Amino acid sequence: MPLSGLSISAVGDRVVVRDGKNHFQVDDGQYVLGLDVSVENGVLRVVEHKEQAAPEAPPAETADQWFDKALPLEDSDPKAAQAAYEHAVQLEPTYSAAWINLGRLLHTRHDENKAELVYRRALQECGPDSVLLFNLGVVLEDLGKLDEAIDAYQSAITEDPTLADGHFNLARLYEAQGKEQHALRHLGQYRRLVNSSEGR
């Protein structure tokens, strides 16, 4: 064994080497018992050395820690960011922010089909959420599923009537379908919300 793997010490007038759990004398190789000897109130006490317990494994990383790992990786290593978000939602299936970022990351990488699956799974786990529904609408629109996109946007503004972008996208889609009255209603709501936020 290399010297770096040995521990050498003196026990009385003998040189003792420790190799892992074993102690032996250098000159004759005889094993030495690991004993502590002490005298208390005139009584000799002999205690065997106990091996130290292995250190406890570090605690498993939390969903928040995986989320925090993912954020800075989105630009530099999107695949690692994706894996980190997947760890987060695996640990905490109702973690809507991690689902949102995971879906958006897939969408920006032009994997719309997987992004749709992620948003649908997120809605099953988290329940109705205006941002998840809105993002699902955007993905469905990019996939050409316009009727489903309209349903998603409608659900999003049901959850959050102040979601201006939801009204805007509905106005666009209704206009494309020739439904002028619906388009005007949502465009008007969009303008009211935008003007209201600018006047604050």
C-alpha atoms as a PDB file:
ATOM      1  CA  MET A   1       0.000   0.000   0.000  1.00  0.00           C
ATOM      2  CA  PRO A   2       1.311   3.528  -0.703  1.00  0.00           C
ATOM      3  CA  LEU A   3       2.453   5.486   2.329  1.00  0.00           C
ATOM      4  CA  SER A   4      -0.389   7.950   1.824  1.00  0.00           C
ATOM      5  CA  GLY A   5      -2.808   5.155   2.780  1.00  0.00           C
ATOM      6  CA  LEU A   6      -1.036   4.371   6.086  1.00  0.00           C
ATOM      7  CA  SER A   7      -1.184   6.032   9.477  1.00  0.00           C
ATOM      8  CA  ILE A   8       1.969   5.642  11.598  1.00  0.00           C
ATOM      9  CA  SER A   9       2.036   6.250  15.360  1.00  0.00           C
ATOM     10  CA  ALA A  10       3.917   5.292  18.506  1.00  0.00           C
ATOM     11  CA  VAL A  11       2.348   3.013  21.111  1.00  0.00           C
ATOM     12  CA  GLY A  12       4.678   2.825  24.107  1.00  0.00           C
ATOM     13  CA  ASP A  13       8.084   1.952  22.670  1.00  0.00           C
ATOM     14  CA  ARG A  14       6.664   0.359  19.511  1.00  0.00           C
ATOM     15  CA  VAL A  15       5.955   1.836  16.086  1.00  0.00           C
ATOM     16  CA  VAL A  16       2.430   0.907  15.001  1.00  0.00           C
ATOM     17  CA  VAL A  17       0.976   1.264  11.533  1.00  0.00           C
ATOM     18  CA  ARG A  18      -2.707   1.628  10.871  1.00  0.00           C
ATOM     19  CA  ASP A  19      -3.919   0.262   7.555  1.00  0.00           C
ATOM     20  CA  GLY A  20      -7.665   0.902   7.342  1.00  0.00           C
ATOM     21  CA  LYS A  21      -9.202  -0.909  10.335  1.00  0.00           C
ATOM     22  CA  ASN A  22      -6.066  -2.904  11.186  1.00  0.00           C
ATOM     23  CA  HIS A  23      -3.166  -1.921  13.492  1.00  0.00           C
ATOM     24  CA  PHE A  24       0.139  -3.839  13.361  1.00  0.00           C
ATOM     25  CA  GLN A  25       3.692  -3.489  14.614  1.00  0.00           C
ATOM     26  CA  VAL A  26       6.264  -2.499  12.029  1.00  0.00           C
ATOM     27  CA  ASP A  27       9.078  -4.798  13.130  1.00  0.00           C
ATOM     28  CA  ASP A  28       7.200  -8.127  13.257  1.00  0.00           C
ATOM     29  CA  GLY A  29       3.833  -7.428  11.593  1.00  0.00           C
ATOM     30  CA  GLN A  30       1.906  -8.557  14.686  1.00  0.00           C
ATOM     31  CA  TYR A  31      -1.601  -7.098  14.920  1.00  0.00           C
ATOM     32  CA  VAL A  32      -2.278  -4.729  17.797  1.00  0.00           C
ATOM     33  CA  LEU A  33      -5.667  -4.442  19.469  1.00  0.00           C
ATOM     34  CA  GLY A  34      -6.999  -0.908  19.598  1.00  0.00           C
ATOM     35  CA  LEU A  35      -7.457  -0.529  23.363  1.00  0.00           C
ATOM     36  CA  ASP A  36      -7.572   2.473  25.669  1.00  0.00           C
ATOM     37  CA  VAL A  37      -6.284   1.793  29.150  1.00  0.00           C
ATOM     38  CA  SER A  38      -7.097   4.062  32.090  1.00  0.00           C
ATOM     39  CA  VAL A  39      -7.063   3.881  35.856  1.00  0.00           C
ATOM     40  CA  GLU A  40     -10.038   5.289  37.764  1.00  0.00           C
ATOM     41  CA  ASN A  41     -10.144   5.114  41.583  1.00  0.00           C
ATOM     42  CA  GLY A  42      -7.485   2.405  41.550  1.00  0.00           C
ATOM     43  CA  VAL A  43      -9.431   0.286  39.018  1.00  0.00           C
ATOM     44  CA  LEU A  44      -7.878  -0.591  35.662  1.00  0.00           C
ATOM     45  CA  ARG A  45     -10.294  -0.023  32.772  1.00  0.00           C
ATOM     46  CA  VAL A  46      -9.693  -1.350  29.265  1.00  0.00           C
ATOM     47  CA  VAL A  47     -11.917  -0.050  26.469  1.00  0.00           C
ATOM     48  CA  GLU A  48     -11.753  -1.188  22.849  1.00  0.00           C
ATOM     49  CA  HIS A  49     -11.593   1.547  20.236  1.00  0.00           C
ATOM     50  CA  LYS A  50     -14.835   1.721  18.273  1.00  0.00           C
ATOM     51  CA  GLU A  51     -14.694   2.559  14.625  1.00  0.00           C
ATOM     52  CA  GLN A  52     -16.187   5.938  13.963  1.00  0.00           C
ATOM     53  CA  ALA A  53     -19.515   5.804  12.229  1.00  0.00           C
ATOM     54  CA  ALA A  54     -19.447   6.830   8.611  1.00  0.00           C
ATOM     55  CA  PRO A  55     -20.531  10.414   8.160  1.00  0.00           C
ATOM     56  CA  GLU A  56     -24.172  10.825   7.247  1.00  0.00           C
ATOM     57  CA  ALA A  57     -24.926  11.415   3.605  1.00  0.00           C
ATOM     58  CA  PRO A  58     -25.722  15.040   2.837  1.00  0.00           C
ATOM     59  CA  PRO A  59     -29.449  15.723   2.708  1.00  0.00           C
ATOM     60  CA  ALA A  60     -31.081  15.260  -0.678  1.00  0.00           C
ATOM     61  CA  GLU A  61     -31.528  18.434  -2.680  1.00  0.00           C
ATOM     62  CA  THR A  62     -34.926  20.082  -2.515  1.00  0.00           C
ATOM     63  CA  ALA A  63     -37.179  21.160  -5.384  1.00  0.00           C
ATOM     64  CA  ASP A  64     -36.228  24.793  -4.664  1.00  0.00           C
ATOM     65  CA  GLN A  65     -32.531  23.951  -4.915  1.00  0.00           C
ATOM     66  CA  TRP A  66     -33.051  22.213  -8.279  1.00  0.00           C
ATOM     67  CA  PHE A  67     -35.067  25.229  -9.477  1.00  0.00           C
ATOM     68  CA  ASP A  68     -32.288  27.609  -8.409  1.00  0.00           C
ATOM     69  CA  LYS A  69     -29.728  25.425 -10.229  1.00  0.00           C
ATOM     70  CA  ALA A  70     -31.774  25.483 -13.421  1.00  0.00           C
ATOM     71  CA  LEU A  71     -32.197  29.253 -13.767  1.00  0.00           C
ATOM     72  CA  PRO A  72     -28.578  30.198 -14.579  1.00  0.00           C
ATOM     73  CA  LEU A  73     -28.198  27.155 -16.855  1.00  0.00           C
ATOM     74  CA  GLU A  74     -31.013  28.116 -19.234  1.00  0.00           C
ATOM     75  CA  ASP A  75     -28.706  30.059 -21.578  1.00  0.00           C
ATOM     76  CA  SER A  76     -25.425  28.203 -21.071  1.00  0.00           C
ATOM     77  CA  ASP A  77     -26.682  24.595 -20.864  1.00  0.00           C
ATOM     78  CA  PRO A  78     -30.400  24.239 -21.697  1.00  0.00           C
ATOM     79  CA  LYS A  79     -30.339  20.429 -21.417  1.00  0.00           C
ATOM     80  CA  ALA A  80     -28.951  20.610 -17.881  1.00  0.00           C
ATOM     81  CA  ALA A  81     -31.538  23.286 -17.042  1.00  0.00           C
ATOM     82  CA  GLN A  82     -34.288  21.029 -18.388  1.00  0.00           C
ATOM     83  CA  ALA A  83     -33.038  18.109 -16.269  1.00  0.00           C
ATOM     84  CA  ALA A  84     -32.924  20.329 -13.170  1.00  0.00           C
ATOM     85  CA  TYR A  85     -36.509  21.545 -13.701  1.00  0.00           C
ATOM     86  CA  GLU A  86     -37.580  17.931 -14.209  1.00  0.00           C
ATOM     87  CA  HIS A  87     -35.966  17.029 -10.866  1.00  0.00           C
ATOM     88  CA  ALA A  88     -37.821  19.908  -9.206  1.00  0.00           C
ATOM     89  CA  VAL A  89     -41.266  18.845 -10.447  1.00  0.00           C
ATOM     90  CA  GLN A  90     -40.527  15.217  -9.691  1.00  0.00           C
ATOM     91  CA  LEU A  91     -39.842  16.159  -6.061  1.00  0.00           C
ATOM     92  CA  GLU A  92     -42.717  18.645  -5.883  1.00  0.00           C
ATOM     93  CA  PRO A  93     -45.368  17.954  -8.565  1.00  0.00           C
ATOM     94  CA  THR A  94     -47.358  21.117  -7.708  1.00  0.00           C
ATOM     95  CA  TYR A  95     -44.355  23.437  -8.285  1.00  0.00           C
ATOM     96  CA  SER A  96     -46.023  25.611 -10.935  1.00  0.00           C
ATOM     97  CA  ALA A  97     -43.027  27.947 -11.457  1.00  0.00           C
ATOM     98  CA  ALA A  98     -40.809  24.976 -12.350  1.00  0.00           C
ATOM     99  CA  TRP A  99     -43.450  23.618 -14.762  1.00  0.00           C
ATOM    100  CA  ILE A 100     -43.809  27.062 -16.371  1.00  0.00           C
ATOM    101  CA  ASN A 101     -40.054  27.436 -16.882  1.00  0.00           C
ATOM    102  CA  LEU A 102     -39.696  23.856 -18.129  1.00  0.00           C
ATOM    103  CA  GLY A 103     -42.452  24.334 -20.719  1.00  0.00           C
ATOM    104  CA  ARG A 104     -41.087  27.713 -21.811  1.00  0.00           C
ATOM    105  CA  LEU A 105     -37.579  26.264 -22.154  1.00  0.00           C
ATOM    106  CA  LEU A 106     -38.852  23.453 -24.376  1.00  0.00           C
ATOM    107  CA  HIS A 107     -40.911  25.931 -26.420  1.00  0.00           C
ATOM    108  CA  THR A 108     -37.933  28.229 -27.019  1.00  0.00           C
ATOM    109  CA  ARG A 109     -35.977  25.166 -28.186  1.00  0.00           C
ATOM    110  CA  HIS A 110     -38.767  24.527 -30.730  1.00  0.00           C
ATOM    111  CA  ASP A 111     -39.981  21.350 -29.040  1.00  0.00           C
ATOM    112  CA  GLU A 112     -43.631  22.447 -29.065  1.00  0.00           C
ATOM    113  CA  ASN A 113     -45.042  18.921 -28.810  1.00  0.00           C
ATOM    114  CA  LYS A 114     -43.159  18.194 -25.600  1.00  0.00           C
ATOM    115  CA  ALA A 115     -43.964  21.671 -24.260  1.00  0.00           C
ATOM    116  CA  GLU A 116     -47.676  20.973 -24.789  1.00  0.00           C
ATOM    117  CA  LEU A 117     -47.381  17.704 -22.843  1.00  0.00           C
ATOM    118  CA  VAL A 118     -45.525  19.491 -20.030  1.00  0.00           C
ATOM    119  CA  TYR A 119     -48.187  22.205 -19.711  1.00  0.00           C
ATOM    120  CA  ARG A 120     -51.021  19.670 -19.775  1.00  0.00           C
ATOM    121  CA  ARG A 121     -49.326  17.559 -17.104  1.00  0.00           C
ATOM    122  CA  ALA A 122     -48.686  20.709 -15.048  1.00  0.00           C
ATOM    123  CA  LEU A 123     -52.363  21.631 -15.185  1.00  0.00           C
ATOM    124  CA  GLN A 124     -53.265  18.140 -13.958  1.00  0.00           C
ATOM    125  CA  GLU A 125     -50.848  18.493 -11.043  1.00  0.00           C
ATOM    126  CA  CYS A 126     -51.367  22.165 -10.173  1.00  0.00           C
ATOM    127  CA  GLY A 127     -54.969  22.791 -11.218  1.00  0.00           C
ATOM    128  CA  PRO A 128     -56.080  25.818 -13.260  1.00  0.00           C
ATOM    129  CA  ASP A 129     -53.313  28.407 -13.443  1.00  0.00           C
ATOM    130  CA  SER A 130     -53.589  31.466 -15.693  1.00  0.00           C
ATOM    131  CA  VAL A 131     -49.909  31.471 -16.753  1.00  0.00           C
ATOM    132  CA  LEU A 132     -49.855  27.739 -17.503  1.00  0.00           C
ATOM    133  CA  LEU A 133     -53.066  28.093 -19.511  1.00  0.00           C
ATOM    134  CA  PHE A 134     -51.785  31.145 -21.396  1.00  0.00           C
ATOM    135  CA  ASN A 135     -48.474  29.433 -22.233  1.00  0.00           C
ATOM    136  CA  LEU A 136     -50.367  26.335 -23.357  1.00  0.00           C
ATOM    137  CA  GLY A 137     -52.405  28.584 -25.657  1.00  0.00           C
ATOM    138  CA  VAL A 138     -49.243  30.014 -27.221  1.00  0.00           C
ATOM    139  CA  VAL A 139     -47.848  26.518 -27.844  1.00  0.00           C
ATOM    140  CA  LEU A 140     -51.151  25.300 -29.309  1.00  0.00           C
ATOM    141  CA  GLU A 141     -51.226  28.343 -31.581  1.00  0.00           C
ATOM    142  CA  ASP A 142     -47.712  27.554 -32.827  1.00  0.00           C
ATOM    143  CA  LEU A 143     -48.837  23.962 -33.455  1.00  0.00           C
ATOM    144  CA  GLY A 144     -51.756  25.233 -35.553  1.00  0.00           C
ATOM    145  CA  LYS A 145     -54.371  24.003 -33.062  1.00  0.00           C
ATOM    146  CA  LEU A 146     -56.254  27.293 -33.094  1.00  0.00           C
ATOM    147  CA  ASP A 147     -59.553  26.157 -31.562  1.00  0.00           C
ATOM    148  CA  GLU A 148     -57.685  24.533 -28.660  1.00  0.00           C
ATOM    149  CA  ALA A 149     -55.578  27.676 -28.307  1.00  0.00           C
ATOM    150  CA  ILE A 150     -58.751  29.778 -28.019  1.00  0.00           C
ATOM    151  CA  ASP A 151     -60.054  27.423 -25.320  1.00  0.00           C
ATOM    152  CA  ALA A 152     -56.762  27.726 -23.414  1.00  0.00           C
ATOM    153  CA  TYR A 153     -56.770  31.550 -23.623  1.00  0.00           C
ATOM    154  CA  GLN A 154     -60.423  31.662 -22.542  1.00  0.00           C
ATOM    155  CA  SER A 155     -59.580  29.485 -19.517  1.00  0.00           C
ATOM    156  CA  ALA A 156     -56.591  31.707 -18.735  1.00  0.00           C
ATOM    157  CA  ILE A 157     -58.684  34.911 -18.627  1.00  0.00           C
ATOM    158  CA  THR A 158     -61.358  33.085 -16.616  1.00  0.00           C
ATOM    159  CA  GLU A 159     -58.667  32.436 -13.998  1.00  0.00           C
ATOM    160  CA  ASP A 160     -57.258  35.971 -14.325  1.00  0.00           C
ATOM    161  CA  PRO A 161     -59.555  38.490 -16.083  1.00  0.00           C
ATOM    162  CA  THR A 162     -56.762  41.098 -15.909  1.00  0.00           C
ATOM    163  CA  LEU A 163     -54.464  39.025 -18.156  1.00  0.00           C
ATOM    164  CA  ALA A 164     -54.158  41.588 -20.955  1.00  0.00           C
ATOM    165  CA  ASP A 165     -52.101  39.359 -23.274  1.00  0.00           C
ATOM    166  CA  GLY A 166     -54.800  36.707 -23.088  1.00  0.00           C
ATOM    167  CA  HIS A 167     -57.398  39.191 -24.359  1.00  0.00           C
ATOM    168  CA  PHE A 168     -55.038  40.405 -27.078  1.00  0.00           C
ATOM    169  CA  ASN A 169     -54.350  36.893 -28.376  1.00  0.00           C
ATOM    170  CA  LEU A 170     -58.052  36.067 -28.328  1.00  0.00           C
ATOM    171  CA  ALA A 171     -58.790  39.243 -30.322  1.00  0.00           C
ATOM    172  CA  ARG A 172     -56.203  38.198 -32.937  1.00  0.00           C
ATOM    173  CA  LEU A 173     -57.529  34.659 -33.273  1.00  0.00           C
ATOM    174  CA  TYR A 174     -61.178  35.708 -33.410  1.00  0.00           C
ATOM    175  CA  GLU A 175     -60.336  38.299 -36.062  1.00  0.00           C
ATOM    176  CA  ALA A 176     -58.563  35.605 -38.104  1.00  0.00           C
ATOM    177  CA  GLN A 177     -61.720  33.492 -37.852  1.00  0.00           C
ATOM    178  CA  GLY A 178     -63.897  36.396 -38.997  1.00  0.00           C
ATOM    179  CA  LYS A 179     -65.608  36.727 -35.601  1.00  0.00           C
ATOM    180  CA  GLU A 180     -65.404  40.505 -35.513  1.00  0.00           C
ATOM    181  CA  GLN A 181     -67.705  41.035 -32.520  1.00  0.00           C
ATOM    182  CA  HIS A 182     -65.675  38.666 -30.316  1.00  0.00           C
ATOM    183  CA  ALA A 183     -62.433  40.218 -31.572  1.00  0.00           C
ATOM    184  CA  LEU A 184     -63.594  43.769 -30.792  1.00  0.00           C
ATOM    185  CA  ARG A 185     -64.772  42.813 -27.312  1.00  0.00           C
ATOM    186  CA  HIS A 186     -61.405  41.298 -26.346  1.00  0.00           C
ATOM    187  CA  LEU A 187     -59.441  44.080 -28.055  1.00  0.00           C
ATOM    188  CA  GLY A 188     -61.419  46.635 -26.069  1.00  0.00           C
ATOM    189  CA  GLN A 189     -60.740  44.755 -22.839  1.00  0.00           C
ATOM    190  CA  TYR A 190     -57.054  44.555 -23.726  1.00  0.00           C
ATOM    191  CA  ARG A 191     -56.878  48.344 -24.286  1.00  0.00           C
ATOM    192  CA  ARG A 192     -58.686  49.062 -21.015  1.00  0.00           C
ATOM    193  CA  LEU A 193     -56.284  46.857 -19.071  1.00  0.00           C
ATOM    194  CA  VAL A 194     -53.190  48.346 -20.728  1.00  0.00           C
ATOM    195  CA  ASN A 195     -54.406  51.940 -20.204  1.00  0.00           C
ATOM    196  CA  SER A 196     -55.297  51.145 -16.613  1.00  0.00           C
ATOM    197  CA  SER A 197     -51.825  49.748 -15.893  1.00  0.00           C
ATOM    198  CA  GLU A 198     -50.109  52.695 -17.593  1.00  0.00           C
ATOM    199  CA  GLY A 199     -52.142  55.167 -15.541  1.00  0.00           C
ATOM    200  CA  ARG A 200     -50.944  53.716 -12.237  1.00  0.00           C
END
